[in-house]
Structures are given as C-alpha cells and as structure tokens.
Amino acid sequence: MNIVCVGMNHASAPVGVRERFAVRPQEMSQVFHDVKAMEGLTGAVMLSTCNRVEMYASGGSDVKAAEGLTRLLHDLAGVEVPLYVHDTPGSIRHLFRVASGLDSMVVGETEIFGQVKQAYASAAACGATNRHLNKLFQQAFRVAKHVRTGTQITRGATSVGAVAVELAGQIFGNLAGQRVMVLGAGRTSELTARSLVSRGVQTVIVSNRNFERAVRLADDMGGVAIPFDNWQHAIPDVDVIICSTSAPHYLLTPDKMEALMEARSGRPVFVIDLAVPRDADPGISGIDGVFLYDIDSLEGIASQARNERRGEMERCEVMIGGHVSTFVEWLQTHEHQRS
C-alpha cells in the first residue's frame, strides 16, 4: 500500500496559477467520485486552501496513482503546470509538515491545522477515505499537536492575516489613525481583524455576504458591519481594504476602482488581497493611487519569520521524522487491509 500526494503550494506556483486549481466545497463530491473511478486508488482526501491545492490518495501503484491524480487536477483547472509528487514515505512526511504549519508561507501558522481537519472530514463524509487514510490523518493531527506543544514554533505571528497587518504597518508606520475595511467574515478575516485591533486600528468596517456573520465579527472587534451590497459606498472613506472572500470572480475591477478613486479625490488606497481565487483584478494596480498587494506579496515578511524560527523548525523536523518512521511501520504491517 502506498500513499501518494500530488499538488502545488505557494512555493511551487504563484497565486495566478493556484487560483485556477482551487476547488470549492460544493465541488468536492464530484472530485471524489472521479477519484474512485480511477484504477488502483482506494481512497483520497483533497486539501484546497489559499496557499495550496493537494490530493492525498492511497493505492497499490505509486506511478499510476500519481499520473491519475495529476491528470485529474489538470482537468479541473483546465491548464497543465508542473505539480510536485510525493510517495511513501515522502507523502507522509509532507502531510505531517503541512498539518504542523512547517510547510506554510507563515511558518507555525495554526489555521492550516483546522483546514486539514476540515479536508479530512469532507472526504470522510463523501465516503472517500479508507482505513489507511483514516489512520494517516488521525496521526497527522496528533503530530501537529505534539509539535505545537513541544516546541516554540507558534510564537509570534502565525497567520496570513497577521502578516498582512504587518505589511500594512510597514506601509503606514502607524495604523492607529487608519480606517480599514475587511471584505469577508471567515477565519482569515477574523484573524486579520484581531491583528488590526491589536495594532491600534480604531475603525474596522466588515462586509460579508452573510450579514449576520459580519455583524458578529464587527461586534467582537468593536467595528461596524455593512451589507455586502453596500461595501463599495465605504471605499471613499477607508485607507486599507483587506479582501478575503470566497467569491468566484473579481470584486474589485478596474471599472469599479476608477469610479471609486474619483470619489476619493486622489487619496491613495491600499488593497491587500488574501483571497484565492483573488478578489482584486490585478489590473487595478495600474490605476493612479491604488496600491495592490496579493497573498504572494507577503512572502518577504514570511521569510523573515522563517529565519527567526529556524532553530525551532529543526526541532520540529526531528520530531516529525520519528512519527514518519512509526507510521511507515504500521503501514507496512497493515498494507493489505482495505477496509
């Protein structure tokens, strides 16, 4: 029995490519149906986040599995690009590193742990997992908890939202007097809003398609919620727009932003787009006064954090190596059990 991982992440592909491969929750069922139809594959889990799209699958032939999963991902995206492929034991180590936050743009991030859990739960609900994948992901959760509690890897900024706020701080120097609008009220938006408040931002405007969620987040932050249909009306008065919605199309387009910039009388606006697929059309960066940063723009700050945590990362790698060896032994012992 072999475990194969095929995919891409922030280090192997830019956001313009990653967003082509992003899969929405409502599409997962069909993906798993297609995987089950592949010869030799007995189970699969798909992880799709802003910084990675990966498929983990179990099967007897690593070559056939890798070829089939690569073809599936390329068909979903409608484009062919190089994907990385890991098989046992590399795939096991990769998953343990991902769940522990070591493979993230922001090393030590904790949000990925919940995303891996949700990916596994979605696959299990669709009947796409099996004994080996169940054991693998349960072990990955234990490894991640062991790494987080046994090292200092999660000290400091551990979310994309926190790094985005760090970027905003570098732009303005002092965020205390800035007005910020957050588009989206999911987990990334929540972490971003909390980081903004911790940096002294007094005015946080939250807009989300589900208005009740926007209200809850705004209330928690001492901010203001506005209906999603009205978010454009607030742009003339804000200094920073942080986007993190699940919209399948651009929200900030050149036509919209040109009209809104006229209402701002030339005052600059900074747009930090954390969404994948992106919320902001890259074309808006050509408009005078609009300064656009996408999620890949955070790499410079994130790499600094990686350097600061290098010693802890080495400790984490040693811990993960021991868990990989243990799981490989279990897999070899139970490789013929399919249920």
Protein backbone atom coordinates (compact mmCIF):
# COMPACT_ATOMS: atom_id res chain seq x y z
CA MET A 1 0.00 0.00 0.00
CA ASN A 2 1.33 3.40 -1.00
CA ILE A 3 0.26 6.92 -0.04
CA VAL A 4 0.66 9.48 -2.85
CA CYS A 5 0.44 13.27 -2.64
CA VAL A 6 0.14 15.40 -5.77
CA GLY A 7 -0.25 19.16 -5.73
CA MET A 8 1.15 22.67 -5.58
CA ASN A 9 1.72 25.31 -2.93
CA HIS A 10 2.84 28.90 -2.50
CA ALA A 11 6.46 27.88 -3.04
CA SER A 12 5.88 26.00 -6.30
CA ALA A 13 3.28 28.16 -8.06
CA PRO A 14 2.19 31.83 -7.98
CA VAL A 15 -1.30 32.82 -6.88
CA GLY A 16 -2.39 33.33 -10.50
CA VAL A 17 -1.84 29.60 -11.06
CA ARG A 18 -3.04 28.36 -7.67
CA GLU A 19 -6.41 30.06 -8.05
CA ARG A 20 -7.04 28.06 -11.24
CA PHE A 21 -6.78 24.85 -9.19
CA ALA A 22 -8.84 25.99 -6.18
CA VAL A 23 -11.85 23.73 -5.53
CA ARG A 24 -14.96 24.98 -3.73
CA PRO A 25 -16.58 22.78 -1.04
CA GLN A 26 -19.63 22.09 -3.22
CA GLU A 27 -17.36 20.62 -5.90
CA MET A 28 -15.61 18.11 -3.66
CA SER A 29 -18.19 15.36 -4.03
CA GLN A 30 -17.67 15.19 -7.80
CA VAL A 31 -13.89 15.21 -7.36
CA PHE A 32 -14.04 12.21 -5.06
CA HIS A 33 -16.40 10.45 -7.46
CA ASP A 34 -13.81 10.89 -10.20
CA VAL A 35 -11.02 9.62 -7.94
CA LYS A 36 -12.96 6.48 -7.06
CA ALA A 37 -13.28 5.72 -10.76
CA MET A 38 -9.50 5.57 -11.14
CA GLU A 39 -7.94 2.15 -11.33
CA GLY A 40 -5.89 1.22 -8.30
CA LEU A 41 -6.99 4.04 -6.00
CA THR A 42 -8.90 3.11 -2.86
CA GLY A 43 -9.29 6.46 -1.12
CA ALA A 44 -8.50 10.17 -1.31
CA VAL A 45 -8.50 13.46 0.62
CA MET A 46 -8.28 16.86 -1.05
CA LEU A 47 -6.86 19.95 0.64
CA SER A 48 -7.64 23.27 -1.07
CA THR A 49 -6.58 26.50 0.69
CA CYS A 50 -5.30 29.91 -0.33
CA ASN A 51 -1.73 28.62 -0.39
CA ARG A 52 -2.06 25.03 -1.61
CA VAL A 53 -4.10 22.51 -3.56
CA GLU A 54 -3.15 18.91 -2.78
CA MET A 55 -4.61 15.46 -3.27
CA TYR A 56 -3.65 12.60 -0.96
CA ALA A 57 -4.59 9.13 -2.15
CA SER A 58 -3.92 5.52 -1.27
CA GLY A 59 -3.35 2.83 -3.85
CA GLY A 60 -1.18 -0.05 -4.93
CA SER A 61 0.83 1.68 -7.68
CA ASP A 62 2.52 4.99 -6.99
CA VAL A 63 3.10 5.66 -10.72
CA LYS A 64 -0.50 5.07 -11.81
CA ALA A 65 -1.84 7.00 -8.81
CA ALA A 66 0.39 9.99 -9.47
CA GLU A 67 -0.46 10.02 -13.17
CA GLY A 68 -4.18 9.76 -12.48
CA LEU A 69 -4.24 12.48 -9.83
CA THR A 70 -2.12 14.80 -11.96
CA ARG A 71 -4.49 14.34 -14.88
CA LEU A 72 -7.50 14.97 -12.62
CA LEU A 73 -6.07 18.22 -11.22
CA HIS A 74 -5.11 19.44 -14.68
CA ASP A 75 -8.62 18.69 -15.97
CA LEU A 76 -10.18 20.59 -13.06
CA ALA A 77 -8.03 23.65 -13.70
CA GLY A 78 -8.13 23.48 -17.48
CA VAL A 79 -4.37 24.05 -17.60
CA GLU A 80 -1.28 21.87 -17.28
CA VAL A 81 1.54 23.02 -14.99
CA PRO A 82 4.23 21.13 -13.07
CA LEU A 83 2.95 19.56 -9.85
CA TYR A 84 5.01 18.03 -7.08
CA VAL A 85 4.59 14.34 -6.36
CA HIS A 86 5.42 12.59 -3.10
CA ASP A 87 5.02 8.89 -2.41
CA THR A 88 5.68 6.88 0.75
CA PRO A 89 7.41 7.92 2.97
CA GLY A 90 7.74 11.42 1.48
CA SER A 91 3.98 11.89 1.27
CA ILE A 92 3.59 11.05 4.95
CA ARG A 93 6.31 13.47 5.98
CA HIS A 94 4.76 16.14 3.75
CA LEU A 95 1.31 15.81 5.36
CA PHE A 96 2.78 15.88 8.87
CA ARG A 97 4.73 19.04 7.97
CA VAL A 98 1.66 20.66 6.42
CA ALA A 99 -0.57 19.92 9.43
CA SER A 100 2.14 21.21 11.78
CA GLY A 101 2.50 24.51 9.92
CA LEU A 102 6.05 23.85 8.71
CA ASP A 103 5.14 23.94 5.02
CA SER A 104 3.14 27.16 5.30
CA MET A 105 4.10 30.57 3.99
CA VAL A 106 3.85 31.72 7.61
CA VAL A 107 5.81 29.04 9.45
CA GLY A 108 3.97 27.82 12.53
CA GLU A 109 0.57 29.04 11.38
CA THR A 110 -2.26 27.39 13.27
CA GLU A 111 -5.06 27.93 10.74
CA ILE A 112 -3.80 25.12 8.50
CA PHE A 113 -4.49 22.57 11.23
CA GLY A 114 -8.21 23.32 11.06
CA GLN A 115 -8.12 23.33 7.27
CA VAL A 116 -6.56 19.85 7.19
CA LYS A 117 -9.17 18.60 9.66
CA GLN A 118 -11.96 20.03 7.52
CA ALA A 119 -10.50 18.49 4.36
CA TYR A 120 -10.39 15.08 6.01
CA ALA A 121 -13.93 15.46 7.40
CA SER A 122 -15.26 16.39 3.96
CA ALA A 123 -13.62 13.37 2.35
CA ALA A 124 -14.90 11.07 5.08
CA ALA A 125 -18.44 12.45 4.72
CA CYS A 126 -18.29 11.61 0.99
CA GLY A 127 -17.11 8.06 1.76
CA ALA A 128 -13.79 8.77 0.04
CA THR A 129 -11.42 7.68 2.82
CA ASN A 130 -10.31 4.21 3.89
CA ARG A 131 -8.50 2.55 6.79
CA HIS A 132 -5.06 3.77 5.74
CA LEU A 133 -6.06 7.38 5.13
CA ASN A 134 -8.13 7.46 8.33
CA LYS A 135 -5.09 6.31 10.29
CA LEU A 136 -2.79 8.71 8.41
CA PHE A 137 -4.85 11.83 9.06
CA GLN A 138 -5.61 10.96 12.66
CA GLN A 139 -1.87 10.55 13.15
CA ALA A 140 -1.24 13.87 11.38
CA PHE A 141 -3.49 15.62 13.91
CA ARG A 142 -1.59 14.05 16.80
CA VAL A 143 1.75 15.01 15.26
CA ALA A 144 0.64 18.63 14.78
CA LYS A 145 -0.45 18.87 18.41
CA HIS A 146 2.82 17.30 19.56
CA VAL A 147 4.84 19.79 17.52
CA ARG A 148 2.86 22.78 18.72
CA THR A 149 3.06 21.86 22.39
CA GLY A 150 6.62 20.53 22.32
CA THR A 151 8.27 23.48 20.56
CA GLN A 152 8.03 27.27 20.28
CA ILE A 153 7.13 27.16 16.58
CA THR A 154 3.83 29.01 17.09
CA ARG A 155 5.31 32.00 18.89
CA GLY A 156 4.86 35.33 17.10
CA ALA A 157 2.73 35.97 14.01
CA THR A 158 1.19 32.65 12.95
CA SER A 159 -1.46 33.61 10.41
CA VAL A 160 -1.61 35.11 6.96
CA GLY A 161 -3.87 37.80 8.41
CA ALA A 162 -1.25 38.81 10.98
CA VAL A 163 1.40 39.07 8.28
CA ALA A 164 -0.96 41.15 6.13
CA VAL A 165 -1.38 43.57 9.03
CA GLU A 166 2.39 43.64 9.44
CA LEU A 167 2.61 44.67 5.78
CA ALA A 168 0.02 47.40 6.35
CA GLY A 169 2.06 48.59 9.32
CA GLN A 170 5.17 48.82 7.18
CA ILE A 171 3.25 50.88 4.63
CA PHE A 172 1.75 53.37 7.08
CA GLY A 173 4.16 53.19 10.01
CA ASN A 174 1.34 53.77 12.48
CA LEU A 175 -2.02 52.08 11.92
CA ALA A 176 -3.79 53.77 14.81
CA GLY A 177 -5.34 56.50 12.69
CA GLN A 178 -6.21 54.38 9.67
CA ARG A 179 -9.65 53.26 8.57
CA VAL A 180 -9.73 49.65 7.39
CA MET A 181 -12.41 47.70 5.57
CA VAL A 182 -12.40 43.89 5.69
CA LEU A 183 -14.29 42.14 2.89
CA GLY A 184 -15.26 38.67 4.10
CA ALA A 185 -16.00 37.35 7.57
CA GLY A 186 -14.35 33.93 7.52
CA ARG A 187 -11.48 32.68 9.66
CA THR A 188 -8.80 34.61 7.76
CA SER A 189 -10.81 37.82 8.06
CA GLU A 190 -11.31 37.22 11.78
CA LEU A 191 -7.59 36.73 12.39
CA THR A 192 -6.83 39.79 10.29
CA ALA A 193 -9.34 41.94 12.16
CA ARG A 194 -7.97 40.85 15.54
CA SER A 195 -4.45 41.72 14.41
CA LEU A 196 -5.65 45.13 13.23
CA VAL A 197 -7.20 45.89 16.60
CA SER A 198 -4.04 44.74 18.39
CA ARG A 199 -2.10 47.26 16.28
CA GLY A 200 -4.33 50.11 17.40
CA VAL A 201 -6.70 50.44 14.45
CA GLN A 202 -9.79 52.22 15.74
CA THR A 203 -12.10 51.90 12.73
CA VAL A 204 -12.76 48.44 11.25
CA ILE A 205 -15.58 48.07 8.73
CA VAL A 206 -16.68 44.50 7.99
CA SER A 207 -18.74 43.44 5.00
CA ASN A 208 -19.81 39.90 4.15
CA ARG A 209 -22.49 38.19 2.06
CA ASN A 210 -23.88 36.70 5.27
CA PHE A 211 -24.63 39.93 7.11
CA GLU A 212 -25.13 38.22 10.48
CA ARG A 213 -21.55 36.92 10.38
CA ALA A 214 -20.32 40.40 9.51
CA VAL A 215 -22.23 41.80 12.49
CA ARG A 216 -20.80 39.20 14.87
CA LEU A 217 -17.23 39.83 13.75
CA ALA A 218 -17.66 43.62 13.82
CA ASP A 219 -19.17 43.47 17.31
CA ASP A 220 -16.28 41.35 18.57
CA MET A 221 -13.79 43.87 17.18
CA GLY A 222 -15.70 46.98 18.18
CA GLY A 223 -16.18 47.72 14.49
CA VAL A 224 -19.05 48.41 12.11
CA ALA A 225 -20.82 45.96 9.80
CA ILE A 226 -22.28 46.99 6.45
CA PRO A 227 -24.36 44.91 4.00
CA PHE A 228 -22.35 43.32 1.22
CA ASP A 229 -24.33 45.20 -1.43
CA ASN A 230 -23.13 48.47 0.09
CA TRP A 231 -19.40 47.83 0.59
CA GLN A 232 -18.45 50.00 -2.37
CA HIS A 233 -20.04 53.02 -0.71
CA ALA A 234 -17.49 52.83 2.13
CA ILE A 235 -14.38 52.84 -0.07
CA PRO A 236 -14.14 56.64 -0.42
CA ASP A 237 -13.60 56.83 3.36
CA VAL A 238 -11.15 53.95 4.03
CA ASP A 239 -7.37 53.77 3.79
CA VAL A 240 -6.89 49.99 3.58
CA ILE A 241 -9.07 47.28 2.03
CA ILE A 242 -8.33 43.70 3.07
CA CYS A 243 -10.10 41.12 0.89
CA SER A 244 -10.74 37.54 1.92
CA THR A 245 -13.99 36.31 0.40
CA SER A 246 -14.86 33.10 -1.42
CA ALA A 247 -16.29 34.90 -4.43
CA PRO A 248 -15.66 33.02 -7.70
CA HIS A 249 -14.99 36.27 -9.59
CA TYR A 250 -13.23 39.60 -9.09
CA LEU A 251 -14.96 42.04 -6.75
CA LEU A 252 -12.55 44.93 -7.28
CA THR A 253 -12.35 45.56 -11.02
CA PRO A 254 -10.65 48.42 -12.90
CA ASP A 255 -14.01 49.98 -13.86
CA LYS A 256 -15.24 49.97 -10.26
CA MET A 257 -11.98 51.21 -8.79
CA GLU A 258 -11.58 54.04 -11.31
CA ALA A 259 -15.02 55.38 -10.38
CA LEU A 260 -14.33 54.97 -6.67
CA MET A 261 -10.96 56.69 -6.90
CA GLU A 262 -12.64 59.74 -8.41
CA ALA A 263 -14.81 59.89 -5.29
CA ARG A 264 -11.64 59.76 -3.15
CA SER A 265 -10.27 62.92 -4.77
CA GLY A 266 -6.95 61.24 -5.46
CA ARG A 267 -6.28 59.92 -1.95
CA PRO A 268 -4.38 56.60 -2.19
CA VAL A 269 -5.90 53.31 -1.09
CA PHE A 270 -4.03 50.13 -0.24
CA VAL A 271 -5.63 46.82 -1.20
CA ILE A 272 -4.34 43.62 0.42
CA ASP A 273 -5.94 40.64 -1.33
CA LEU A 274 -5.74 37.43 0.70
CA ALA A 275 -8.35 35.54 -1.32
CA VAL A 276 -7.73 32.60 -3.65
CA PRO A 277 -9.28 32.89 -6.19
CA ARG A 278 -8.37 36.56 -5.93
CA ASP A 279 -10.94 39.25 -5.12
CA ALA A 280 -8.99 42.04 -6.82
CA ASP A 281 -8.31 42.16 -10.55
CA PRO A 282 -4.54 42.65 -10.98
CA GLY A 283 -5.41 45.40 -13.45
CA ILE A 284 -6.41 47.78 -10.66
CA SER A 285 -2.73 48.21 -9.78
CA GLY A 286 -2.42 50.36 -12.90
CA ILE A 287 -4.85 52.95 -11.54
CA ASP A 288 -3.27 56.05 -10.00
CA GLY A 289 -3.47 55.91 -6.22
CA VAL A 290 -4.28 52.18 -5.99
CA PHE A 291 -1.58 50.04 -4.39
CA LEU A 292 -2.36 46.34 -4.67
CA TYR A 293 -0.71 43.50 -2.74
CA ASP A 294 -1.80 39.90 -3.23
CA ILE A 295 -1.08 36.97 -0.93
CA ASP A 296 2.26 36.31 -2.63
CA SER A 297 3.35 39.83 -1.67
CA LEU A 298 3.58 38.64 1.94
CA GLU A 299 6.48 36.32 1.15
CA GLY A 300 9.15 38.81 2.21
CA ILE A 301 7.72 39.21 5.72
CA ALA A 302 7.02 35.48 5.96
CA SER A 303 10.60 34.57 5.02
CA GLN A 304 11.88 36.78 7.83
CA ALA A 305 9.71 34.83 10.27
CA ARG A 306 11.10 31.57 8.88
CA ASN A 307 14.65 32.72 9.52
CA GLU A 308 13.77 33.69 13.09
CA ARG A 309 12.28 30.24 13.75
CA ARG A 310 14.91 28.16 12.01
CA GLY A 311 16.14 26.58 15.24
CA GLU A 312 12.62 25.56 16.25
CA MET A 313 11.98 24.23 12.75
CA GLU A 314 14.94 21.87 13.10
CA ARG A 315 13.49 20.54 16.37
CA CYS A 316 10.13 20.06 14.68
CA GLU A 317 11.69 18.16 11.78
CA VAL A 318 13.35 15.70 14.19
CA MET A 319 10.03 15.11 15.97
CA ILE A 320 8.19 14.61 12.68
CA GLY A 321 10.86 12.18 11.45
CA GLY A 322 10.17 9.87 14.38
CA HIS A 323 6.43 9.91 13.70
CA VAL A 324 7.00 9.18 10.00
CA SER A 325 9.04 6.07 10.83
CA THR A 326 6.35 4.84 13.20
CA PHE A 327 3.59 5.30 10.64
CA VAL A 328 5.55 3.61 7.85
CA GLU A 329 6.00 0.57 10.10
CA TRP A 330 2.24 0.50 10.73
CA LEU A 331 1.52 0.89 7.02
CA GLN A 332 3.80 -2.00 6.10
CA THR A 333 2.09 -4.20 8.66
CA HIS A 334 -1.43 -3.32 7.50
CA GLU A 335 -0.83 -2.68 3.81
CA HIS A 336 -3.21 -5.41 2.61
CA GLN A 337 -6.14 -4.30 4.77
CA ARG A 338 -8.52 -2.23 2.63
CA SER A 339 -11.46 -1.53 4.90
